[in-house]
Amino acid sequence: KVKIEVVLSDAQVEPAIEALIKSARTGKIGDGKIFVTSVEHVVR
């Protein structure tokens, strides 16, 4: 499998989830999962 990780602002989350579902779906078992968690602090 491939694990994709992205950190986004709250406003970008729903469009990103919809894009993931639309592009990754094959309709067969094993299409994968999406997990969303909160991020408290980020430093570049």
All heavy atoms as atom14 arrays in JSON, in Angstrom:
{
  "sequence": "KVKIEVVLSDAQVEPAIEALIKSARTGKIGDGKIFVTSVEHVVR",
  "atom14_mask": [
    [1, 1, 1, 1, 1, 1, 1, 1, 1, 0, 0, 0, 0, 0],
    [1, 1, 1, 1, 1, 1, 1, 0, 0, 0, 0, 0, 0, 0],
    [1, 1, 1, 1, 1, 1, 1, 1, 1, 0, 0, 0, 0, 0],
    [1, 1, 1, 1, 1, 1, 1, 1, 0, 0, 0, 0, 0, 0],
    [1, 1, 1, 1, 1, 1, 1, 1, 1, 0, 0, 0, 0, 0],
    [1, 1, 1, 1, 1, 1, 1, 0, 0, 0, 0, 0, 0, 0],
    [1, 1, 1, 1, 1, 1, 1, 0, 0, 0, 0, 0, 0, 0],
    [1, 1, 1, 1, 1, 1, 1, 1, 0, 0, 0, 0, 0, 0],
    [1, 1, 1, 1, 1, 1, 0, 0, 0, 0, 0, 0, 0, 0],
    [1, 1, 1, 1, 1, 1, 1, 1, 0, 0, 0, 0, 0, 0],
    [1, 1, 1, 1, 1, 0, 0, 0, 0, 0, 0, 0, 0, 0],
    [1, 1, 1, 1, 1, 1, 1, 1, 1, 0, 0, 0, 0, 0],
    [1, 1, 1, 1, 1, 1, 1, 0, 0, 0, 0, 0, 0, 0],
    [1, 1, 1, 1, 1, 1, 1, 1, 1, 0, 0, 0, 0, 0],
    [1, 1, 1, 1, 1, 1, 1, 0, 0, 0, 0, 0, 0, 0],
    [1, 1, 1, 1, 1, 0, 0, 0, 0, 0, 0, 0, 0, 0],
    [1, 1, 1, 1, 1, 1, 1, 1, 0, 0, 0, 0, 0, 0],
    [1, 1, 1, 1, 1, 1, 1, 1, 1, 0, 0, 0, 0, 0],
    [1, 1, 1, 1, 1, 0, 0, 0, 0, 0, 0, 0, 0, 0],
    [1, 1, 1, 1, 1, 1, 1, 1, 0, 0, 0, 0, 0, 0],
    [1, 1, 1, 1, 1, 1, 1, 1, 0, 0, 0, 0, 0, 0],
    [1, 1, 1, 1, 1, 1, 1, 1, 1, 0, 0, 0, 0, 0],
    [1, 1, 1, 1, 1, 1, 0, 0, 0, 0, 0, 0, 0, 0],
    [1, 1, 1, 1, 1, 0, 0, 0, 0, 0, 0, 0, 0, 0],
    [1, 1, 1, 1, 1, 1, 1, 1, 1, 1, 1, 0, 0, 0],
    [1, 1, 1, 1, 1, 1, 1, 0, 0, 0, 0, 0, 0, 0],
    [1, 1, 1, 1, 0, 0, 0, 0, 0, 0, 0, 0, 0, 0],
    [1, 1, 1, 1, 1, 1, 1, 1, 1, 0, 0, 0, 0, 0],
    [1, 1, 1, 1, 1, 1, 1, 1, 0, 0, 0, 0, 0, 0],
    [1, 1, 1, 1, 0, 0, 0, 0, 0, 0, 0, 0, 0, 0],
    [1, 1, 1, 1, 1, 1, 1, 1, 0, 0, 0, 0, 0, 0],
    [1, 1, 1, 1, 0, 0, 0, 0, 0, 0, 0, 0, 0, 0],
    [1, 1, 1, 1, 1, 1, 1, 1, 1, 0, 0, 0, 0, 0],
    [1, 1, 1, 1, 1, 1, 1, 1, 0, 0, 0, 0, 0, 0],
    [1, 1, 1, 1, 1, 1, 1, 1, 1, 1, 1, 0, 0, 0],
    [1, 1, 1, 1, 1, 1, 1, 0, 0, 0, 0, 0, 0, 0],
    [1, 1, 1, 1, 1, 1, 1, 0, 0, 0, 0, 0, 0, 0],
    [1, 1, 1, 1, 1, 1, 0, 0, 0, 0, 0, 0, 0, 0],
    [1, 1, 1, 1, 1, 1, 1, 0, 0, 0, 0, 0, 0, 0],
    [1, 1, 1, 1, 1, 1, 1, 1, 1, 0, 0, 0, 0, 0],
    [1, 1, 1, 1, 1, 1, 1, 1, 1, 1, 0, 0, 0, 0],
    [1, 1, 1, 1, 1, 1, 1, 0, 0, 0, 0, 0, 0, 0],
    [1, 1, 1, 1, 1, 1, 1, 0, 0, 0, 0, 0, 0, 0],
    [1, 1, 1, 1, 1, 1, 1, 1, 1, 1, 1, 0, 0, 0]
  ],
  "atom14_positions": [
    [[0.86, -1.19, 0.0], [0.0, 0.0, 0.0], [0.89, 1.23, 0.0], [2.1, 1.13, 0.17], [-0.9, 0.04, 1.25], [-1.81, -1.16, 1.43], [-2.95, -1.13, 0.47], [-3.87, -2.32, 0.74], [-5.03, -2.31, -0.1], [0.0, 0.0, 0.0], [0.0, 0.0, 0.0], [0.0, 0.0, 0.0], [0.0, 0.0, 0.0], [0.0, 0.0, 0.0]],
    [[0.28, 2.39, -0.15], [0.99, 3.66, -0.07], [0.29, 4.51, 0.99], [-0.93, 4.6, 1.0], [0.97, 4.39, -1.43], [1.6, 5.76, -1.31], [1.71, 3.58, -2.47], [0.0, 0.0, 0.0], [0.0, 0.0, 0.0], [0.0, 0.0, 0.0], [0.0, 0.0, 0.0], [0.0, 0.0, 0.0], [0.0, 0.0, 0.0], [0.0, 0.0, 0.0]],
    [[1.09, 5.1, 1.87], [0.53, 5.99, 2.9], [0.88, 7.42, 2.53], [2.04, 7.76, 2.32], [1.13, 5.64, 4.26], [0.64, 6.52, 5.39], [1.15, 5.93, 6.69], [1.39, 6.94, 7.73], [1.91, 6.35, 8.97], [0.0, 0.0, 0.0], [0.0, 0.0, 0.0], [0.0, 0.0, 0.0], [0.0, 0.0, 0.0], [0.0, 0.0, 0.0]],
    [[-0.17, 8.24, 2.42], [-0.01, 9.65, 2.06], [-0.34, 10.48, 3.3], [-1.39, 10.28, 3.91], [-0.97, 10.02, 0.91], [-0.64, 9.15, -0.31], [-0.88, 11.5, 0.58], [-1.72, 9.15, -1.36], [0.0, 0.0, 0.0], [0.0, 0.0, 0.0], [0.0, 0.0, 0.0], [0.0, 0.0, 0.0], [0.0, 0.0, 0.0], [0.0, 0.0, 0.0]],
    [[0.55, 11.4, 3.65], [0.34, 12.26, 4.82], [0.35, 13.72, 4.37], [1.23, 14.13, 3.62], [1.43, 12.03, 5.86], [1.44, 10.62, 6.42], [2.62, 10.38, 7.34], [3.68, 9.98, 6.83], [2.47, 10.62, 8.55], [0.0, 0.0, 0.0], [0.0, 0.0, 0.0], [0.0, 0.0, 0.0], [0.0, 0.0, 0.0], [0.0, 0.0, 0.0]],
    [[-0.66, 14.47, 4.85], [-0.8, 15.88, 4.5], [-1.27, 16.63, 5.74], [-2.16, 16.16, 6.44], [-1.86, 16.06, 3.39], [-1.96, 17.51, 2.98], [-1.57, 15.2, 2.19], [0.0, 0.0, 0.0], [0.0, 0.0, 0.0], [0.0, 0.0, 0.0], [0.0, 0.0, 0.0], [0.0, 0.0, 0.0], [0.0, 0.0, 0.0], [0.0, 0.0, 0.0]],
    [[-0.68, 17.79, 6.01], [-1.16, 18.67, 7.09], [-1.77, 19.89, 6.43], [-1.14, 20.54, 5.59], [-0.02, 19.06, 8.05], [-0.54, 20.03, 9.11], [0.57, 17.83, 8.71], [0.0, 0.0, 0.0], [0.0, 0.0, 0.0], [0.0, 0.0, 0.0], [0.0, 0.0, 0.0], [0.0, 0.0, 0.0], [0.0, 0.0, 0.0], [0.0, 0.0, 0.0]],
    [[-3.03, 20.18, 6.81], [-3.8, 21.24, 6.15], [-4.5, 22.13, 7.16], [-4.73, 21.74, 8.31], [-4.89, 20.6, 5.27], [-4.45, 19.63, 4.2], [-5.64, 18.9, 3.64], [-3.73, 20.37, 3.12], [0.0, 0.0, 0.0], [0.0, 0.0, 0.0], [0.0, 0.0, 0.0], [0.0, 0.0, 0.0], [0.0, 0.0, 0.0], [0.0, 0.0, 0.0]],
    [[-4.9, 23.3, 6.69], [-5.77, 24.15, 7.51], [-7.14, 23.5, 7.55], [-7.5, 22.69, 6.68], [-5.87, 25.55, 6.9], [-6.52, 25.48, 5.65], [0.0, 0.0, 0.0], [0.0, 0.0, 0.0], [0.0, 0.0, 0.0], [0.0, 0.0, 0.0], [0.0, 0.0, 0.0], [0.0, 0.0, 0.0], [0.0, 0.0, 0.0], [0.0, 0.0, 0.0]],
    [[-7.93, 23.84, 8.55], [-9.25, 23.23, 8.73], [-10.14, 23.4, 7.5], [-10.91, 22.51, 7.16], [-9.94, 23.81, 9.97], [-9.26, 23.38, 11.26], [-8.48, 22.4, 11.23], [-9.5, 24.01, 12.3], [0.0, 0.0, 0.0], [0.0, 0.0, 0.0], [0.0, 0.0, 0.0], [0.0, 0.0, 0.0], [0.0, 0.0, 0.0], [0.0, 0.0, 0.0]],
    [[-10.02, 24.54, 6.82], [-10.87, 24.81, 5.66], [-10.55, 23.9, 4.47], [-11.41, 23.66, 3.62], [-10.72, 26.28, 5.24], [0.0, 0.0, 0.0], [0.0, 0.0, 0.0], [0.0, 0.0, 0.0], [0.0, 0.0, 0.0], [0.0, 0.0, 0.0], [0.0, 0.0, 0.0], [0.0, 0.0, 0.0], [0.0, 0.0, 0.0], [0.0, 0.0, 0.0]],
    [[-9.33, 23.38, 4.39], [-8.92, 22.55, 3.27], [-9.25, 21.07, 3.47], [-9.14, 20.29, 2.52], [-7.41, 22.67, 3.04], [-6.95, 24.0, 2.5], [-5.45, 24.0, 2.32], [-4.71, 23.9, 3.29], [-5.01, 24.1, 1.08], [0.0, 0.0, 0.0], [0.0, 0.0, 0.0], [0.0, 0.0, 0.0], [0.0, 0.0, 0.0], [0.0, 0.0, 0.0]],
    [[-9.64, 20.68, 4.68], [-9.8, 19.26, 5.0], [-10.89, 18.58, 4.17], [-10.65, 17.55, 3.55], [-10.04, 19.07, 6.51], [-10.4, 17.63, 6.82], [-8.81, 19.48, 7.29], [0.0, 0.0, 0.0], [0.0, 0.0, 0.0], [0.0, 0.0, 0.0], [0.0, 0.0, 0.0], [0.0, 0.0, 0.0], [0.0, 0.0, 0.0], [0.0, 0.0, 0.0]],
    [[-12.09, 19.12, 4.15], [-13.2, 18.47, 3.43], [-12.93, 18.34, 1.93], [-13.13, 17.27, 1.36], [-14.53, 19.17, 3.7], [-15.11, 18.86, 5.07], [-15.24, 17.37, 5.37], [-15.71, 16.6, 4.5], [-14.86, 16.96, 6.48], [0.0, 0.0, 0.0], [0.0, 0.0, 0.0], [0.0, 0.0, 0.0], [0.0, 0.0, 0.0], [0.0, 0.0, 0.0]],
    [[-12.46, 19.42, 1.25], [-12.14, 19.25, -0.17], [-11.06, 18.19, -0.41], [-11.12, 17.44, -1.37], [-11.66, 20.63, -0.61], [-12.23, 21.58, 0.38], [-12.34, 20.82, 1.67], [0.0, 0.0, 0.0], [0.0, 0.0, 0.0], [0.0, 0.0, 0.0], [0.0, 0.0, 0.0], [0.0, 0.0, 0.0], [0.0, 0.0, 0.0], [0.0, 0.0, 0.0]],
    [[-10.08, 18.12, 0.49], [-9.01, 17.13, 0.34], [-9.54, 15.71, 0.52], [-9.18, 14.81, -0.23], [-7.89, 17.4, 1.34], [0.0, 0.0, 0.0], [0.0, 0.0, 0.0], [0.0, 0.0, 0.0], [0.0, 0.0, 0.0], [0.0, 0.0, 0.0], [0.0, 0.0, 0.0], [0.0, 0.0, 0.0], [0.0, 0.0, 0.0], [0.0, 0.0, 0.0]],
    [[-10.43, 15.51, 1.48], [-11.02, 14.19, 1.7], [-11.85, 13.78, 0.49], [-11.75, 12.64, 0.02], [-11.88, 14.18, 2.99], [-10.96, 14.27, 4.21], [-12.73, 12.91, 3.06], [-11.71, 14.45, 5.53], [0.0, 0.0, 0.0], [0.0, 0.0, 0.0], [0.0, 0.0, 0.0], [0.0, 0.0, 0.0], [0.0, 0.0, 0.0], [0.0, 0.0, 0.0]],
    [[-12.64, 14.69, -0.04], [-13.45, 14.38, -1.23], [-12.55, 14.02, -2.41], [-12.85, 13.09, -3.16], [-14.35, 15.56, -1.57], [-15.47, 15.76, -0.58], [-16.27, 17.03, -0.83], [-16.28, 17.51, -1.99], [-16.87, 17.54, 0.12], [0.0, 0.0, 0.0], [0.0, 0.0, 0.0], [0.0, 0.0, 0.0], [0.0, 0.0, 0.0], [0.0, 0.0, 0.0]],
    [[-11.45, 14.76, -2.59], [-10.51, 14.47, -3.68], [-9.87, 13.1, -3.5], [-9.71, 12.35, -4.46], [-9.45, 15.56, -3.74], [0.0, 0.0, 0.0], [0.0, 0.0, 0.0], [0.0, 0.0, 0.0], [0.0, 0.0, 0.0], [0.0, 0.0, 0.0], [0.0, 0.0, 0.0], [0.0, 0.0, 0.0], [0.0, 0.0, 0.0], [0.0, 0.0, 0.0]],
    [[-9.51, 12.77, -2.26], [-8.93, 11.46, -1.97], [-9.9, 10.33, -2.3], [-9.54, 9.36, -2.97], [-8.52, 11.36, -0.5], [-7.18, 11.95, -0.12], [-7.1, 12.19, 1.37], [-6.06, 11.04, -0.59], [0.0, 0.0, 0.0], [0.0, 0.0, 0.0], [0.0, 0.0, 0.0], [0.0, 0.0, 0.0], [0.0, 0.0, 0.0], [0.0, 0.0, 0.0]],
    [[-11.13, 10.47, -1.85], [-12.13, 9.43, -2.09], [-12.37, 9.26, -3.59], [-12.37, 8.13, -4.1], [-13.44, 9.76, -1.36], [-13.25, 9.66, 0.15], [-14.56, 8.84, -1.82], [-14.4, 10.21, 0.97], [0.0, 0.0, 0.0], [0.0, 0.0, 0.0], [0.0, 0.0, 0.0], [0.0, 0.0, 0.0], [0.0, 0.0, 0.0], [0.0, 0.0, 0.0]],
    [[-12.55, 10.35, -4.28], [-12.86, 10.29, -5.71], [-11.71, 9.66, -6.51], [-11.93, 8.86, -7.42], [-13.13, 11.7, -6.21], [-13.73, 11.78, -7.59], [-13.96, 13.23, -7.96], [-15.37, 13.43, -8.46], [-15.62, 14.79, -8.9], [0.0, 0.0, 0.0], [0.0, 0.0, 0.0], [0.0, 0.0, 0.0], [0.0, 0.0, 0.0], [0.0, 0.0, 0.0]],
    [[-10.48, 10.01, -6.17], [-9.33, 9.55, -6.96], [-8.82, 8.17, -6.56], [-8.24, 7.47, -7.38], [-8.19, 10.56, -6.86], [-7.78, 10.72, -5.52], [0.0, 0.0, 0.0], [0.0, 0.0, 0.0], [0.0, 0.0, 0.0], [0.0, 0.0, 0.0], [0.0, 0.0, 0.0], [0.0, 0.0, 0.0], [0.0, 0.0, 0.0], [0.0, 0.0, 0.0]],
    [[-9.03, 7.75, -5.32], [-8.48, 6.47, -4.86], [-9.47, 5.31, -4.97], [-9.07, 4.15, -4.9], [-8.0, 6.59, -3.41], [0.0, 0.0, 0.0], [0.0, 0.0, 0.0], [0.0, 0.0, 0.0], [0.0, 0.0, 0.0], [0.0, 0.0, 0.0], [0.0, 0.0, 0.0], [0.0, 0.0, 0.0], [0.0, 0.0, 0.0], [0.0, 0.0, 0.0]],
    [[-10.73, 5.6, -5.16], [-11.75, 4.55, -5.17], [-11.71, 3.72, -6.45], [-11.68, 4.24, -7.54], [-13.14, 5.16, -5.02], [-14.27, 4.12, -5.05], [-15.61, 4.75, -4.9], [-15.82, 5.05, -3.49], [-16.63, 6.0, -3.05], [-17.3, 6.74, -3.9], [-16.77, 6.19, -1.76], [0.0, 0.0, 0.0], [0.0, 0.0, 0.0], [0.0, 0.0, 0.0]],
    [[-11.7, 2.38, -6.26], [-11.84, 1.46, -7.39], [-13.16, 0.7, -7.28], [-13.61, 0.11, -8.24], [-10.71, 0.41, -7.43], [-10.81, -0.44, -6.29], [-9.35, 1.05, -7.48], [0.0, 0.0, 0.0], [0.0, 0.0, 0.0], [0.0, 0.0, 0.0], [0.0, 0.0, 0.0], [0.0, 0.0, 0.0], [0.0, 0.0, 0.0], [0.0, 0.0, 0.0]],
    [[-13.74, 0.72, -6.09], [-14.98, 0.0, -5.86], [-14.76, -1.43, -5.4], [-15.71, -2.17, -5.18], [0.0, 0.0, 0.0], [0.0, 0.0, 0.0], [0.0, 0.0, 0.0], [0.0, 0.0, 0.0], [0.0, 0.0, 0.0], [0.0, 0.0, 0.0], [0.0, 0.0, 0.0], [0.0, 0.0, 0.0], [0.0, 0.0, 0.0], [0.0, 0.0, 0.0]],
    [[-13.51, -1.82, -5.27], [-13.18, -3.17, -4.84], [-12.6, -3.16, -3.44], [-12.12, -2.13, -2.97], [-12.2, -3.81, -5.81], [-12.77, -3.95, -7.21], [-11.78, -4.54, -8.15], [-12.43, -4.64, -9.53], [-11.48, -4.63, -10.59], [0.0, 0.0, 0.0], [0.0, 0.0, 0.0], [0.0, 0.0, 0.0], [0.0, 0.0, 0.0], [0.0, 0.0, 0.0]],
    [[-12.61, -4.31, -2.8], [-12.06, -4.42, -1.45], [-10.59, -4.03, -1.45], [-9.87, -4.28, -2.42], [-12.28, -5.84, -0.89], [-12.06, -5.87, 0.62], [-11.42, -6.85, -1.61], [-12.6, -7.11, 1.29], [0.0, 0.0, 0.0], [0.0, 0.0, 0.0], [0.0, 0.0, 0.0], [0.0, 0.0, 0.0], [0.0, 0.0, 0.0], [0.0, 0.0, 0.0]],
    [[-10.15, -3.35, -0.39], [-8.76, -2.95, -0.28], [-8.46, -1.56, -0.81], [-7.3, -1.2, -0.98], [0.0, 0.0, 0.0], [0.0, 0.0, 0.0], [0.0, 0.0, 0.0], [0.0, 0.0, 0.0], [0.0, 0.0, 0.0], [0.0, 0.0, 0.0], [0.0, 0.0, 0.0], [0.0, 0.0, 0.0], [0.0, 0.0, 0.0], [0.0, 0.0, 0.0]],
    [[-9.5, -0.75, -1.07], [-9.28, 0.61, -1.56], [-8.55, 1.48, -0.55], [-7.89, 2.43, -0.93], [-10.61, 1.27, -1.94], [-11.03, 0.94, -3.35], [-10.24, 0.33, -4.09], [-12.16, 1.3, -3.71], [0.0, 0.0, 0.0], [0.0, 0.0, 0.0], [0.0, 0.0, 0.0], [0.0, 0.0, 0.0], [0.0, 0.0, 0.0], [0.0, 0.0, 0.0]],
    [[-8.67, 1.19, 0.74], [-7.91, 1.92, 1.74], [-8.76, 2.65, 2.75], [-9.97, 2.46, 2.83], [0.0, 0.0, 0.0], [0.0, 0.0, 0.0], [0.0, 0.0, 0.0], [0.0, 0.0, 0.0], [0.0, 0.0, 0.0], [0.0, 0.0, 0.0], [0.0, 0.0, 0.0], [0.0, 0.0, 0.0], [0.0, 0.0, 0.0], [0.0, 0.0, 0.0]],
    [[-8.1, 3.5, 3.52], [-8.75, 4.26, 4.59], [-8.16, 5.66, 4.65], [-7.05, 5.91, 4.2], [-8.52, 3.58, 5.93], [-9.19, 2.24, 6.09], [-9.96, 2.19, 7.38], [-10.84, 1.0, 7.5], [-10.28, -0.28, 7.26], [0.0, 0.0, 0.0], [0.0, 0.0, 0.0], [0.0, 0.0, 0.0], [0.0, 0.0, 0.0], [0.0, 0.0, 0.0]],
    [[-8.93, 6.57, 5.26], [-8.48, 7.94, 5.5], [-8.64, 8.22, 6.99], [-9.71, 7.96, 7.56], [-9.32, 8.95, 4.69], [-9.18, 8.68, 3.2], [-8.9, 10.38, 5.03], [-10.13, 9.49, 2.33], [0.0, 0.0, 0.0], [0.0, 0.0, 0.0], [0.0, 0.0, 0.0], [0.0, 0.0, 0.0], [0.0, 0.0, 0.0], [0.0, 0.0, 0.0]],
    [[-7.58, 8.72, 7.61], [-7.61, 9.08, 9.02], [-7.34, 10.58, 9.15], [-6.43, 11.1, 8.51], [-6.52, 8.32, 9.8], [-6.6, 6.83, 9.65], [-5.84, 6.17, 8.69], [-7.45, 6.09, 10.44], [-5.9, 4.8, 8.55], [-7.52, 4.71, 10.3], [-6.75, 4.07, 9.35], [0.0, 0.0, 0.0], [0.0, 0.0, 0.0], [0.0, 0.0, 0.0]],
    [[-8.12, 11.25, 9.98], [-7.94, 12.68, 10.2], [-7.7, 12.91, 11.69], [-8.5, 12.48, 12.52], [-9.18, 13.5, 9.74], [-8.96, 14.98, 9.97], [-9.49, 13.22, 8.28], [0.0, 0.0, 0.0], [0.0, 0.0, 0.0], [0.0, 0.0, 0.0], [0.0, 0.0, 0.0], [0.0, 0.0, 0.0], [0.0, 0.0, 0.0], [0.0, 0.0, 0.0]],
    [[-6.6, 13.58, 12.01], [-6.27, 13.88, 13.4], [-5.93, 15.36, 13.54], [-5.57, 16.02, 12.56], [-5.07, 13.04, 13.89], [-3.97, 13.25, 13.01], [-5.4, 11.56, 13.93], [0.0, 0.0, 0.0], [0.0, 0.0, 0.0], [0.0, 0.0, 0.0], [0.0, 0.0, 0.0], [0.0, 0.0, 0.0], [0.0, 0.0, 0.0], [0.0, 0.0, 0.0]],
    [[-6.03, 15.86, 14.75], [-5.7, 17.26, 15.02], [-4.19, 17.43, 15.16], [-3.51, 16.56, 15.69], [-6.37, 17.73, 16.31], [-7.76, 17.77, 16.12], [0.0, 0.0, 0.0], [0.0, 0.0, 0.0], [0.0, 0.0, 0.0], [0.0, 0.0, 0.0], [0.0, 0.0, 0.0], [0.0, 0.0, 0.0], [0.0, 0.0, 0.0], [0.0, 0.0, 0.0]],
    [[-3.7, 18.59, 14.7], [-2.29, 18.93, 14.83], [-2.22, 20.17, 15.71], [-2.84, 21.18, 15.41], [-1.65, 19.2, 13.46], [-0.23, 19.71, 13.62], [-1.7, 17.97, 12.59], [0.0, 0.0, 0.0], [0.0, 0.0, 0.0], [0.0, 0.0, 0.0], [0.0, 0.0, 0.0], [0.0, 0.0, 0.0], [0.0, 0.0, 0.0], [0.0, 0.0, 0.0]],
    [[-1.47, 20.08, 16.79], [-1.41, 21.19, 17.74], [-0.37, 22.24, 17.38], [-0.59, 23.43, 17.61], [-1.12, 20.64, 19.14], [-2.27, 19.84, 19.7], [-2.0, 19.37, 21.11], [-1.21, 20.04, 21.82], [-2.56, 18.35, 21.5], [0.0, 0.0, 0.0], [0.0, 0.0, 0.0], [0.0, 0.0, 0.0], [0.0, 0.0, 0.0], [0.0, 0.0, 0.0]],
    [[0.76, 21.8, 16.85], [1.85, 22.75, 16.63], [2.72, 22.28, 15.47], [3.04, 21.1, 15.37], [2.68, 22.86, 17.92], [3.62, 24.01, 17.95], [3.2, 25.32, 17.95], [4.97, 24.06, 17.99], [4.25, 26.11, 17.99], [5.34, 25.37, 18.01], [0.0, 0.0, 0.0], [0.0, 0.0, 0.0], [0.0, 0.0, 0.0], [0.0, 0.0, 0.0]],
    [[3.1, 23.22, 14.6], [3.98, 22.93, 13.47], [5.07, 23.98, 13.44], [4.81, 25.16, 13.66], [3.21, 22.96, 12.13], [4.15, 22.71, 10.96], [2.08, 21.96, 12.13], [0.0, 0.0, 0.0], [0.0, 0.0, 0.0], [0.0, 0.0, 0.0], [0.0, 0.0, 0.0], [0.0, 0.0, 0.0], [0.0, 0.0, 0.0], [0.0, 0.0, 0.0]],
    [[6.31, 23.56, 13.17], [7.43, 24.49, 13.03], [8.19, 24.14, 11.76], [8.56, 22.99, 11.55], [8.4, 24.41, 14.23], [9.58, 25.36, 14.04], [7.69, 24.71, 15.53], [0.0, 0.0, 0.0], [0.0, 0.0, 0.0], [0.0, 0.0, 0.0], [0.0, 0.0, 0.0], [0.0, 0.0, 0.0], [0.0, 0.0, 0.0], [0.0, 0.0, 0.0]],
    [[8.4, 25.14, 10.9], [9.26, 24.94, 9.73], [10.69, 25.15, 10.2], [11.03, 26.23, 10.69], [8.9, 25.91, 8.61], [9.84, 25.75, 7.4], [9.42, 26.58, 6.21], [8.27, 25.92, 5.59], [7.22, 26.54, 5.11], [7.13, 27.86, 5.2], [6.24, 25.88, 4.54], [0.0, 0.0, 0.0], [0.0, 0.0, 0.0], [0.0, 0.0, 0.0]]
  ]
}
